Every structure is written in structure tokens, then in C-alpha cells.
């Protein structure tokens, strides 16, 4: 798969247009989803993903800030697909077990 450089030092675009953090397989949208879900700061993201530099993380967040509408649509689509898969799977065999 070829990658295209962007104006963001640590961000590349895959052939399908998906923004990824250069030198990794992490999608910018995945990092943003963690910020939205957990409220993690760049420092916490770095703690959770020590293979990413703070520079990579800040670049990903800057990319998101400048491409918010597109990435928010990608995240919403991913959530819809997850919900569809969950609904199609039916109840878990373990759903009767309570903790």
C-alpha cells in the first residue's frame, strides 16, 4: 500500500484516504476516538501508546482539528457498522452470567 505525505510531519494518507500516524498502523481516527471516549490528554495517549512520540500524537490531534468534519463522519460510520455487527450477532452466550 502506498502512502502520501501530508502537510503534517507525522501523518500520512493511505491509498483509501485514511489518515495514519507515520511509522505506525494507528489511524488518526482511532486516537481521536480515545480522546472522545476517555478524555485522554496527549500525555495520557503517550502513556497508553508508548510506541508513539508526543510529536506524532500532537500532529494527529492537529490533523483532526483541521479535518474534523471528515474524521467525525468516519468515526460515526465506524460506530454504525459496529452497532450493525453487534445487532446481527445476537445475544452473547454469556449474557445470562452476572457478576
PDB file of N, CA and C in Angstrom:
ATOM      1  N   UNK A   1       0.852  -1.163   0.000  1.00  0.00           N
ATOM      2  CA  UNK A   1       0.000   0.000   0.000  1.00  0.00           C
ATOM      3  C   UNK A   1       0.901   1.230   0.000  1.00  0.00           C
ATOM      4  N   UNK A   2       0.625   2.152  -0.861  1.00  0.00           N
ATOM      5  CA  UNK A   2       1.432   3.369  -0.893  1.00  0.00           C
ATOM      6  C   UNK A   2       0.842   4.410   0.049  1.00  0.00           C
ATOM      7  N   UNK A   3       1.711   5.294   0.502  1.00  0.00           N
ATOM      8  CA  UNK A   3       1.313   6.358   1.408  1.00  0.00           C
ATOM      9  C   UNK A   3       1.644   7.697   0.776  1.00  0.00           C
ATOM     10  N   UNK A   4       0.835   8.700   1.050  1.00  0.00           N
ATOM     11  CA  UNK A   4       1.044  10.038   0.533  1.00  0.00           C
ATOM     12  C   UNK A   4       1.363  10.960   1.699  1.00  0.00           C
ATOM     13  N   UNK A   5       2.417  11.760   1.547  1.00  0.00           N
ATOM     14  CA  UNK A   5       2.791  12.710   2.586  1.00  0.00           C
ATOM     15  C   UNK A   5       1.720  13.792   2.706  1.00  0.00           C
ATOM     16  N   UNK A   6       1.602  14.359   3.881  1.00  0.00           N
ATOM     17  CA  UNK A   6       0.682  15.467   4.120  1.00  0.00           C
ATOM     18  C   UNK A   6       1.491  16.664   4.608  1.00  0.00           C
ATOM     19  N   UNK A   7       0.819  17.754   4.907  1.00  0.00           N
ATOM     20  CA  UNK A   7       1.493  18.917   5.484  1.00  0.00           C
ATOM     21  C   UNK A   7       1.763  18.726   6.967  1.00  0.00           C
ATOM     22  N   UNK A   8       1.397  17.585   7.502  1.00  0.00           N
ATOM     23  CA  UNK A   8       1.605  17.260   8.908  1.00  0.00           C
ATOM     24  C   UNK A   8       2.757  16.266   8.955  1.00  0.00           C
ATOM     25  N   UNK A   9       3.832  16.653   9.631  1.00  0.00           N
ATOM     26  CA  UNK A   9       5.068  15.880   9.610  1.00  0.00           C
ATOM     27  C   UNK A   9       4.873  14.400   9.917  1.00  0.00           C
ATOM     28  N   UNK A  10       3.994  14.072  10.822  1.00  0.00           N
ATOM     29  CA  UNK A  10       3.859  12.691  11.278  1.00  0.00           C
ATOM     30  C   UNK A  10       2.609  11.985  10.750  1.00  0.00           C
ATOM     31  N   UNK A  11       1.948  12.559   9.759  1.00  0.00           N
ATOM     32  CA  UNK A  11       0.696  11.979   9.253  1.00  0.00           C
ATOM     33  C   UNK A  11       0.848  11.644   7.776  1.00  0.00           C
ATOM     34  N   UNK A  12       0.421  10.447   7.415  1.00  0.00           N
ATOM     35  CA  UNK A  12       0.377  10.043   6.013  1.00  0.00           C
ATOM     36  C   UNK A  12      -1.039   9.577   5.690  1.00  0.00           C
ATOM     37  N   UNK A  13      -1.340   9.563   4.403  1.00  0.00           N
ATOM     38  CA  UNK A  13      -2.644   9.091   3.944  1.00  0.00           C
ATOM     39  C   UNK A  13      -2.458   7.784   3.196  1.00  0.00           C
ATOM     40  N   UNK A  14      -3.274   6.800   3.546  1.00  0.00           N
ATOM     41  CA  UNK A  14      -3.254   5.533   2.816  1.00  0.00           C
ATOM     42  C   UNK A  14      -3.936   5.730   1.464  1.00  0.00           C
ATOM     43  N   UNK A  15      -3.859   4.730   0.626  1.00  0.00           N
ATOM     44  CA  UNK A  15      -4.498   4.778  -0.690  1.00  0.00           C
ATOM     45  C   UNK A  15      -5.987   5.065  -0.593  1.00  0.00           C
ATOM     46  N   UNK A  16      -6.626   4.581   0.466  1.00  0.00           N
ATOM     47  CA  UNK A  16      -8.067   4.790   0.637  1.00  0.00           C
ATOM     48  C   UNK A  16      -8.399   6.137   1.282  1.00  0.00           C
ATOM     49  N   UNK A  17      -7.375   6.979   1.521  1.00  0.00           N
ATOM     50  CA  UNK A  17      -7.590   8.305   2.086  1.00  0.00           C
ATOM     51  C   UNK A  17      -7.578   8.340   3.602  1.00  0.00           C
ATOM     52  N   UNK A  18      -7.420   7.193   4.242  1.00  0.00           N
ATOM     53  CA  UNK A  18      -7.397   7.124   5.706  1.00  0.00           C
ATOM     54  C   UNK A  18      -6.092   7.719   6.227  1.00  0.00           C
ATOM     55  N   UNK A  19      -6.200   8.649   7.179  1.00  0.00           N
ATOM     56  CA  UNK A  19      -5.027   9.272   7.792  1.00  0.00           C
ATOM     57  C   UNK A  19      -4.467   8.345   8.869  1.00  0.00           C
ATOM     58  N   UNK A  20      -3.163   8.074   8.781  1.00  0.00           N
ATOM     59  CA  UNK A  20      -2.485   7.236   9.767  1.00  0.00           C
ATOM     60  C   UNK A  20      -1.265   7.966  10.291  1.00  0.00           C
ATOM     61  N   UNK A  21      -0.852   7.579  11.481  1.00  0.00           N
ATOM     62  CA  UNK A  21       0.345   8.159  12.067  1.00  0.00           C
ATOM     63  C   UNK A  21       1.550   7.489  11.420  1.00  0.00           C
ATOM     64  N   UNK A  22       2.421   8.290  10.827  1.00  0.00           N
ATOM     65  CA  UNK A  22       3.586   7.775  10.095  1.00  0.00           C
ATOM     66  C   UNK A  22       4.420   6.866  10.995  1.00  0.00           C
ATOM     67  N   UNK A  23       4.888   5.767  10.408  1.00  0.00           N
ATOM     68  CA  UNK A  23       5.708   4.820  11.143  1.00  0.00           C
ATOM     69  C   UNK A  23       4.913   3.891  12.036  1.00  0.00           C
ATOM     70  N   UNK A  24       3.592   3.930  11.918  1.00  0.00           N
ATOM     71  CA  UNK A  24       2.740   3.062  12.732  1.00  0.00           C
ATOM     72  C   UNK A  24       1.558   2.613  11.875  1.00  0.00           C
ATOM     73  N   UNK A  25       0.729   1.795  12.461  1.00  0.00           N
ATOM     74  CA  UNK A  25      -0.507   1.398  11.791  1.00  0.00           C
ATOM     75  C   UNK A  25      -1.711   2.089  12.427  1.00  0.00           C
ATOM     76  N   UNK A  26      -1.460   2.992  13.380  1.00  0.00           N
ATOM     77  CA  UNK A  26      -2.557   3.650  14.092  1.00  0.00           C
ATOM     78  C   UNK A  26      -3.206   4.718  13.236  1.00  0.00           C
ATOM     79  N   UNK A  27      -4.519   4.611  13.107  1.00  0.00           N
ATOM     80  CA  UNK A  27      -5.298   5.615  12.394  1.00  0.00           C
ATOM     81  C   UNK A  27      -5.485   6.828  13.295  1.00  0.00           C
ATOM     82  N   UNK A  28      -5.463   8.007  12.679  1.00  0.00           N
ATOM     83  CA  UNK A  28      -5.725   9.232  13.433  1.00  0.00           C
ATOM     84  C   UNK A  28      -7.086   9.125  14.105  1.00  0.00           C
ATOM     85  N   UNK A  29      -8.072   8.588  13.407  1.00  0.00           N
ATOM     86  CA  UNK A  29      -9.425   8.462  13.953  1.00  0.00           C
ATOM     87  C   UNK A  29      -9.446   7.589  15.204  1.00  0.00           C
ATOM     88  N   UNK A  30      -8.597   6.566  15.275  1.00  0.00           N
ATOM     89  CA  UNK A  30      -8.552   5.712  16.471  1.00  0.00           C
ATOM     90  C   UNK A  30      -8.053   6.506  17.676  1.00  0.00           C
ATOM     91  N   UNK A  31      -7.042   7.319  17.463  1.00  0.00           N
ATOM     92  CA  UNK A  31      -6.517   8.135  18.552  1.00  0.00           C
ATOM     93  C   UNK A  31      -7.564   9.143  19.010  1.00  0.00           C
ATOM     94  N   UNK A  32      -8.238   9.751  18.057  1.00  0.00           N
ATOM     95  CA  UNK A  32      -9.285  10.725  18.372  1.00  0.00           C
ATOM     96  C   UNK A  32     -10.427  10.050  19.128  1.00  0.00           C
ATOM     97  N   UNK A  33     -10.774   8.832  18.755  1.00  0.00           N
ATOM     98  CA  UNK A  33     -11.842   8.108  19.441  1.00  0.00           C
ATOM     99  C   UNK A  33     -11.491   7.913  20.916  1.00  0.00           C
ATOM    100  N   UNK A  34     -10.225   7.681  21.211  1.00  0.00           N
ATOM    101  CA  UNK A  34      -9.803   7.529  22.606  1.00  0.00           C
ATOM    102  C   UNK A  34      -9.920   8.856  23.359  1.00  0.00           C
ATOM    103  N   UNK A  35      -9.600   9.942  22.702  1.00  0.00           N
ATOM    104  CA  UNK A  35      -9.762  11.257  23.327  1.00  0.00           C
ATOM    105  C   UNK A  35     -11.237  11.493  23.630  1.00  0.00           C
ATOM    106  N   UNK A  36     -12.092  11.189  22.673  1.00  0.00           N
ATOM    107  CA  UNK A  36     -13.527  11.416  22.852  1.00  0.00           C
ATOM    108  C   UNK A  36     -14.124  10.486  23.904  1.00  0.00           C
ATOM    109  N   UNK A  37     -13.706   9.236  23.912  1.00  0.00           N
ATOM    110  CA  UNK A  37     -14.287   8.256  24.831  1.00  0.00           C
ATOM    111  C   UNK A  37     -13.795   8.418  26.265  1.00  0.00           C
ATOM    112  N   UNK A  38     -12.496   8.716  26.403  1.00  0.00           N
ATOM    113  CA  UNK A  38     -11.899   8.717  27.736  1.00  0.00           C
ATOM    114  C   UNK A  38     -11.438  10.099  28.207  1.00  0.00           C
ATOM    115  N   UNK A  39     -11.422  11.075  27.312  1.00  0.00           N
ATOM    116  CA  UNK A  39     -10.953  12.406  27.676  1.00  0.00           C
ATOM    117  C   UNK A  39      -9.456  12.470  27.897  1.00  0.00           C
ATOM    118  N   UNK A  40      -8.721  11.565  27.264  1.00  0.00           N
ATOM    119  CA  UNK A  40      -7.277  11.488  27.483  1.00  0.00           C
ATOM    120  C   UNK A  40      -6.546  12.686  26.907  1.00  0.00           C
ATOM    121  N   UNK A  41      -5.571  13.160  27.637  1.00  0.00           N
ATOM    122  CA  UNK A  41      -4.672  14.228  27.198  1.00  0.00           C
ATOM    123  C   UNK A  41      -3.606  13.623  26.286  1.00  0.00           C
ATOM    124  N   UNK A  42      -2.849  14.474  25.582  1.00  0.00           N
ATOM    125  CA  UNK A  42      -1.734  13.936  24.785  1.00  0.00           C
ATOM    126  C   UNK A  42      -0.755  13.112  25.624  1.00  0.00           C
ATOM    127  N   UNK A  43      -0.523  13.545  26.849  1.00  0.00           N
ATOM    128  CA  UNK A  43       0.404  12.811  27.716  1.00  0.00           C
ATOM    129  C   UNK A  43      -0.155  11.432  28.064  1.00  0.00           C
ATOM    130  N   UNK A  44      -1.460  11.352  28.334  1.00  0.00           N
ATOM    131  CA  UNK A  44      -2.074  10.052  28.631  1.00  0.00           C
ATOM    132  C   UNK A  44      -2.069   9.163  27.391  1.00  0.00           C
ATOM    133  N   UNK A  45      -2.325   9.753  26.229  1.00  0.00           N
ATOM    134  CA  UNK A  45      -2.252   8.981  24.984  1.00  0.00           C
ATOM    135  C   UNK A  45      -0.848   8.400  24.817  1.00  0.00           C
ATOM    136  N   UNK A  46       0.165   9.189  25.129  1.00  0.00           N
ATOM    137  CA  UNK A  46       1.549   8.716  25.031  1.00  0.00           C
ATOM    138  C   UNK A  46       1.804   7.589  26.037  1.00  0.00           C
ATOM    139  N   UNK A  47       1.257   7.720  27.238  1.00  0.00           N
ATOM    140  CA  UNK A  47       1.397   6.660  28.242  1.00  0.00           C
ATOM    141  C   UNK A  47       0.738   5.370  27.752  1.00  0.00           C
ATOM    142  N   UNK A  48      -0.440   5.502  27.144  1.00  0.00           N
ATOM    143  CA  UNK A  48      -1.175   4.338  26.652  1.00  0.00           C
ATOM    144  C   UNK A  48      -0.558   3.748  25.385  1.00  0.00           C
ATOM    145  N   UNK A  49       0.122   4.583  24.626  1.00  0.00           N
ATOM    146  CA  UNK A  49       0.741   4.162  23.352  1.00  0.00           C
ATOM    147  C   UNK A  49       2.201   4.616  23.342  1.00  0.00           C
ATOM    148  N   UNK A  50       3.054   3.990  24.142  1.00  0.00           N
ATOM    149  CA  UNK A  50       4.442   4.453  24.256  1.00  0.00           C
ATOM    150  C   UNK A  50       5.239   4.348  22.957  1.00  0.00           C
ATOM    151  N   UNK A  51       4.722   3.597  21.992  1.00  0.00           N
ATOM    152  CA  UNK A  51       5.406   3.498  20.698  1.00  0.00           C
ATOM    153  C   UNK A  51       5.210   4.764  19.859  1.00  0.00           C
ATOM    154  N   UNK A  52       4.283   5.639  20.277  1.00  0.00           N
ATOM    155  CA  UNK A  52       4.054   6.909  19.584  1.00  0.00           C
ATOM    156  C   UNK A  52       4.768   8.017  20.346  1.00  0.00           C
ATOM    157  N   UNK A  53       5.392   8.920  19.610  1.00  0.00           N
ATOM    158  CA  UNK A  53       6.025  10.070  20.256  1.00  0.00           C
ATOM    159  C   UNK A  53       4.968  11.137  20.526  1.00  0.00           C
ATOM    160  N   UNK A  54       5.270  12.044  21.429  1.00  0.00           N
ATOM    161  CA  UNK A  54       4.356  13.159  21.667  1.00  0.00           C
ATOM    162  C   UNK A  54       4.190  13.991  20.404  1.00  0.00           C
ATOM    163  N   UNK A  55       5.255  14.097  19.617  1.00  0.00           N
ATOM    164  CA  UNK A  55       5.157  14.817  18.344  1.00  0.00           C
ATOM    165  C   UNK A  55       4.150  14.168  17.408  1.00  0.00           C
ATOM    166  N   UNK A  56       4.163  12.843  17.312  1.00  0.00           N
ATOM    167  CA  UNK A  56       3.200  12.131  16.480  1.00  0.00           C
ATOM    168  C   UNK A  56       1.779  12.365  16.989  1.00  0.00           C
ATOM    169  N   UNK A  57       1.619  12.311  18.294  1.00  0.00           N
ATOM    170  CA  UNK A  57       0.287  12.487  18.889  1.00  0.00           C
ATOM    171  C   UNK A  57      -0.223  13.901  18.644  1.00  0.00           C
ATOM    172  N   UNK A  58       0.610  14.892  18.893  1.00  0.00           N
ATOM    173  CA  UNK A  58       0.187  16.278  18.665  1.00  0.00           C
ATOM    174  C   UNK A  58      -0.118  16.529  17.189  1.00  0.00           C
ATOM    175  N   UNK A  59       0.665  15.938  16.307  1.00  0.00           N
ATOM    176  CA  UNK A  59       0.411  16.090  14.881  1.00  0.00           C
ATOM    177  C   UNK A  59      -0.924  15.466  14.500  1.00  0.00           C
ATOM    178  N   UNK A  60      -1.232  14.313  15.075  1.00  0.00           N
ATOM    179  CA  UNK A  60      -2.519  13.651  14.806  1.00  0.00           C
ATOM    180  C   UNK A  60      -3.677  14.506  15.297  1.00  0.00           C
ATOM    181  N   UNK A  61      -3.528  15.098  16.476  1.00  0.00           N
ATOM    182  CA  UNK A  61      -4.599  15.937  17.010  1.00  0.00           C
ATOM    183  C   UNK A  61      -4.752  17.222  16.199  1.00  0.00           C
ATOM    184  N   UNK A  62      -3.640  17.762  15.698  1.00  0.00           N
ATOM    185  CA  UNK A  62      -3.714  18.942  14.828  1.00  0.00           C
ATOM    186  C   UNK A  62      -4.401  18.583  13.516  1.00  0.00           C
ATOM    187  N   UNK A  63      -4.061  17.410  12.969  1.00  0.00           N
ATOM    188  CA  UNK A  63      -4.706  16.959  11.737  1.00  0.00           C
ATOM    189  C   UNK A  63      -6.208  16.831  11.960  1.00  0.00           C
ATOM    190  N   UNK A  64      -6.594  16.242  13.083  1.00  0.00           N
ATOM    191  CA  UNK A  64      -8.015  16.110  13.398  1.00  0.00           C
ATOM    192  C   UNK A  64      -8.684  17.476  13.483  1.00  0.00           C
ATOM    193  N   UNK A  65      -8.044  18.407  14.150  1.00  0.00           N
ATOM    194  CA  UNK A  65      -8.616  19.745  14.310  1.00  0.00           C
ATOM    195  C   UNK A  65      -8.887  20.390  12.952  1.00  0.00           C
ATOM    196  N   UNK A  66      -7.999  20.168  12.011  1.00  0.00           N
ATOM    197  CA  UNK A  66      -8.148  20.760  10.679  1.00  0.00           C
ATOM    198  C   UNK A  66      -9.043  19.958   9.746  1.00  0.00           C
ATOM    199  N   UNK A  67      -9.352  18.722  10.093  1.00  0.00           N
ATOM    200  CA  UNK A  67     -10.166  17.840   9.244  1.00  0.00           C
ATOM    201  C   UNK A  67     -11.299  17.208  10.054  1.00  0.00           C
ATOM    202  N   UNK A  68     -11.798  17.951  11.023  1.00  0.00           N
ATOM    203  CA  UNK A  68     -12.771  17.457  11.993  1.00  0.00           C
ATOM    204  C   UNK A  68     -14.013  16.855  11.333  1.00  0.00           C
ATOM    205  N   UNK A  69     -14.604  17.548  10.374  1.00  0.00           N
ATOM    206  CA  UNK A  69     -15.836  17.059   9.752  1.00  0.00           C
ATOM    207  C   UNK A  69     -15.634  15.695   9.101  1.00  0.00           C
ATOM    208  N   UNK A  70     -14.560  15.549   8.359  1.00  0.00           N
ATOM    209  CA  UNK A  70     -14.284  14.290   7.672  1.00  0.00           C
ATOM    210  C   UNK A  70     -14.050  13.165   8.665  1.00  0.00           C
ATOM    211  N   UNK A  71     -13.217  13.410   9.670  1.00  0.00           N
ATOM    212  CA  UNK A  71     -12.918  12.360  10.638  1.00  0.00           C
ATOM    213  C   UNK A  71     -14.122  12.050  11.523  1.00  0.00           C
ATOM    214  N   UNK A  72     -14.926  13.045  11.856  1.00  0.00           N
ATOM    215  CA  UNK A  72     -16.141  12.772  12.626  1.00  0.00           C
ATOM    216  C   UNK A  72     -17.103  11.890  11.834  1.00  0.00           C
ATOM    217  N   UNK A  73     -17.181  12.092  10.529  1.00  0.00           N
ATOM    218  CA  UNK A  73     -18.019  11.216   9.686  1.00  0.00           C
ATOM    219  C   UNK A  73     -17.462   9.796   9.685  1.00  0.00           C
ATOM    220  N   UNK A  74     -16.132   9.653   9.594  1.00  0.00           N
ATOM    221  CA  UNK A  74     -15.515   8.327   9.619  1.00  0.00           C
ATOM    222  C   UNK A  74     -15.811   7.618  10.940  1.00  0.00           C
ATOM    223  N   UNK A  75     -15.693   8.354  12.046  1.00  0.00           N
ATOM    224  CA  UNK A  75     -15.964   7.764  13.357  1.00  0.00           C
ATOM    225  C   UNK A  75     -17.430   7.365  13.495  1.00  0.00           C
ATOM    226  N   UNK A  76     -18.329   8.210  13.027  1.00  0.00           N
ATOM    227  CA  UNK A  76     -19.758   7.894  13.098  1.00  0.00           C
ATOM    228  C   UNK A  76     -20.080   6.655  12.262  1.00  0.00           C
ATOM    229  N   UNK A  77     -19.481   6.552  11.092  1.00  0.00           N
ATOM    230  CA  UNK A  77     -19.691   5.383  10.235  1.00  0.00           C
ATOM    231  C   UNK A  77     -19.168   4.119  10.906  1.00  0.00           C
ATOM    232  N   UNK A  78     -18.009   4.205  11.537  1.00  0.00           N
ATOM    233  CA  UNK A  78     -17.441   3.045  12.231  1.00  0.00           C
ATOM    234  C   UNK A  78     -18.356   2.605  13.372  1.00  0.00           C
ATOM    235  N   UNK A  79     -18.924   3.556  14.101  1.00  0.00           N
ATOM    236  CA  UNK A  79     -19.851   3.215  15.181  1.00  0.00           C
ATOM    237  C   UNK A  79     -21.120   2.570  14.646  1.00  0.00           C
ATOM    238  N   UNK A  80     -21.654   3.084  13.524  1.00  0.00           N
ATOM    239  CA  UNK A  80     -22.838   2.472  12.909  1.00  0.00           C
ATOM    240  C   UNK A  80     -22.549   1.034  12.502  1.00  0.00           C
ATOM    241  N   UNK A  81     -21.392   0.810  11.886  1.00  0.00           N
ATOM    242  CA  UNK A  81     -21.028  -0.537  11.457  1.00  0.00           C
ATOM    243  C   UNK A  81     -20.875  -1.473  12.658  1.00  0.00           C
ATOM    244  N   UNK A  82     -20.269  -0.978  13.734  1.00  0.00           N
ATOM    245  CA  UNK A  82     -20.120  -1.797  14.939  1.00  0.00           C
ATOM    246  C   UNK A  82     -21.488  -2.154  15.520  1.00  0.00           C
ATOM    247  N   UNK A  83     -22.386  -1.183  15.556  1.00  0.00           N
ATOM    248  CA  UNK A  83     -23.742  -1.444  16.052  1.00  0.00           C
ATOM    249  C   UNK A  83     -24.462  -2.471  15.190  1.00  0.00           C
ATOM    250  N   UNK A  84     -24.297  -2.371  13.870  1.00  0.00           N
ATOM    251  CA  UNK A  84     -24.921  -3.336  12.961  1.00  0.00           C
ATOM    252  C   UNK A  84     -24.373  -4.738  13.196  1.00  0.00           C
ATOM    253  N   UNK A  85     -23.064  -4.857  13.352  1.00  0.00           N
ATOM    254  CA  UNK A  85     -22.449  -6.166  13.599  1.00  0.00           C
ATOM    255  C   UNK A  85     -22.918  -6.736  14.933  1.00  0.00           C
ATOM    256  N   UNK A  86     -23.007  -5.875  15.945  1.00  0.00           N
ATOM    257  CA  UNK A  86     -23.450  -6.315  17.264  1.00  0.00           C
ATOM    258  C   UNK A  86     -24.888  -6.816  17.197  1.00  0.00           C
ATOM    259  N   UNK A  87     -25.741  -6.088  16.499  1.00  0.00           N
ATOM    260  CA  UNK A  87     -27.146  -6.485  16.373  1.00  0.00           C
ATOM    261  C   UNK A  87     -27.275  -7.788  15.586  1.00  0.00           C
ATOM    262  N   UNK A  88     -26.482  -7.938  14.536  1.00  0.00           N
ATOM    263  CA  UNK A  88     -26.541  -9.143  13.712  1.00  0.00           C
ATOM    264  C   UNK A  88     -26.035 -10.369  14.469  1.00  0.00           C
ATOM    265  N   UNK A  89     -25.137 -10.161  15.421  1.00  0.00           N
ATOM    266  CA  UNK A  89     -24.564 -11.283  16.167  1.00  0.00           C
ATOM    267  C   UNK A  89     -25.556 -11.871  17.163  1.00  0.00           C
ATOM    268  N   UNK A  90     -26.533 -11.090  17.575  1.00  0.00           N
ATOM    269  CA  UNK A  90     -27.500 -11.585  18.555  1.00  0.00           C
ATOM    270  C   UNK A  90     -26.912 -11.588  19.950  1.00  0.00           C
ATOM    271  N   UNK A  91     -27.672 -12.136  20.894  1.00  0.00           N
ATOM    272  CA  UNK A  91     -27.200 -12.125  22.280  1.00  0.00           C
ATOM    273  C   UNK A  91     -25.994 -13.035  22.468  1.00  0.00           C
ATOM    274  N   UNK A  92     -25.159 -12.653  23.393  1.00  0.00           N
ATOM    275  CA  UNK A  92     -23.964 -13.427  23.730  1.00  0.00           C
ATOM    276  C   UNK A  92     -24.382 -14.690  24.472  1.00  0.00           C
ATOM    277  N   UNK A  93     -23.635 -15.738  24.283  1.00  0.00           N
ATOM    278  CA  UNK A  93     -23.866 -16.979  25.025  1.00  0.00           C
ATOM    279  C   UNK A  93     -23.606 -16.770  26.512  1.00  0.00           C
ATOM    280  N   UNK A  94     -22.913 -15.714  26.846  1.00  0.00           N
ATOM    281  CA  UNK A  94     -22.578 -15.418  28.232  1.00  0.00           C
ATOM    282  C   UNK A  94     -23.467 -14.325  28.839  1.00  0.00           C
ATOM    283  N   UNK A  95     -24.472 -13.876  28.114  1.00  0.00           N
ATOM    284  CA  UNK A  95     -25.300 -12.767  28.585  1.00  0.00           C
ATOM    285  C   UNK A  95     -26.109 -13.114  29.846  1.00  0.00           C
ATOM    286  N   UNK A  96     -26.278 -14.380  30.115  1.00  0.00           N
ATOM    287  CA  UNK A  96     -27.024 -14.793  31.304  1.00  0.00           C
ATOM    288  C   UNK A  96     -26.174 -14.754  32.581  1.00  0.00           C
ATOM    289  N   UNK A  97     -24.875 -14.652  32.432  1.00  0.00           N
ATOM    290  CA  UNK A  97     -23.962 -14.636  33.574  1.00  0.00           C
ATOM    291  C   UNK A  97     -23.880 -13.221  34.144  1.00  0.00           C
ATOM    292  N   UNK A  98     -24.047 -13.115  35.417  1.00  0.00           N
ATOM    293  CA  UNK A  98     -23.962 -11.815  36.078  1.00  0.00           C
ATOM    294  C   UNK A  98     -22.773 -11.811  37.023  1.00  0.00           C
ATOM    295  N   UNK A  99     -22.152 -10.676  37.146  1.00  0.00           N
ATOM    296  CA  UNK A  99     -21.003 -10.594  38.060  1.00  0.00           C
ATOM    297  C   UNK A  99     -21.419 -10.155  39.435  1.00  0.00           C
TER     298      UNK A  99
END
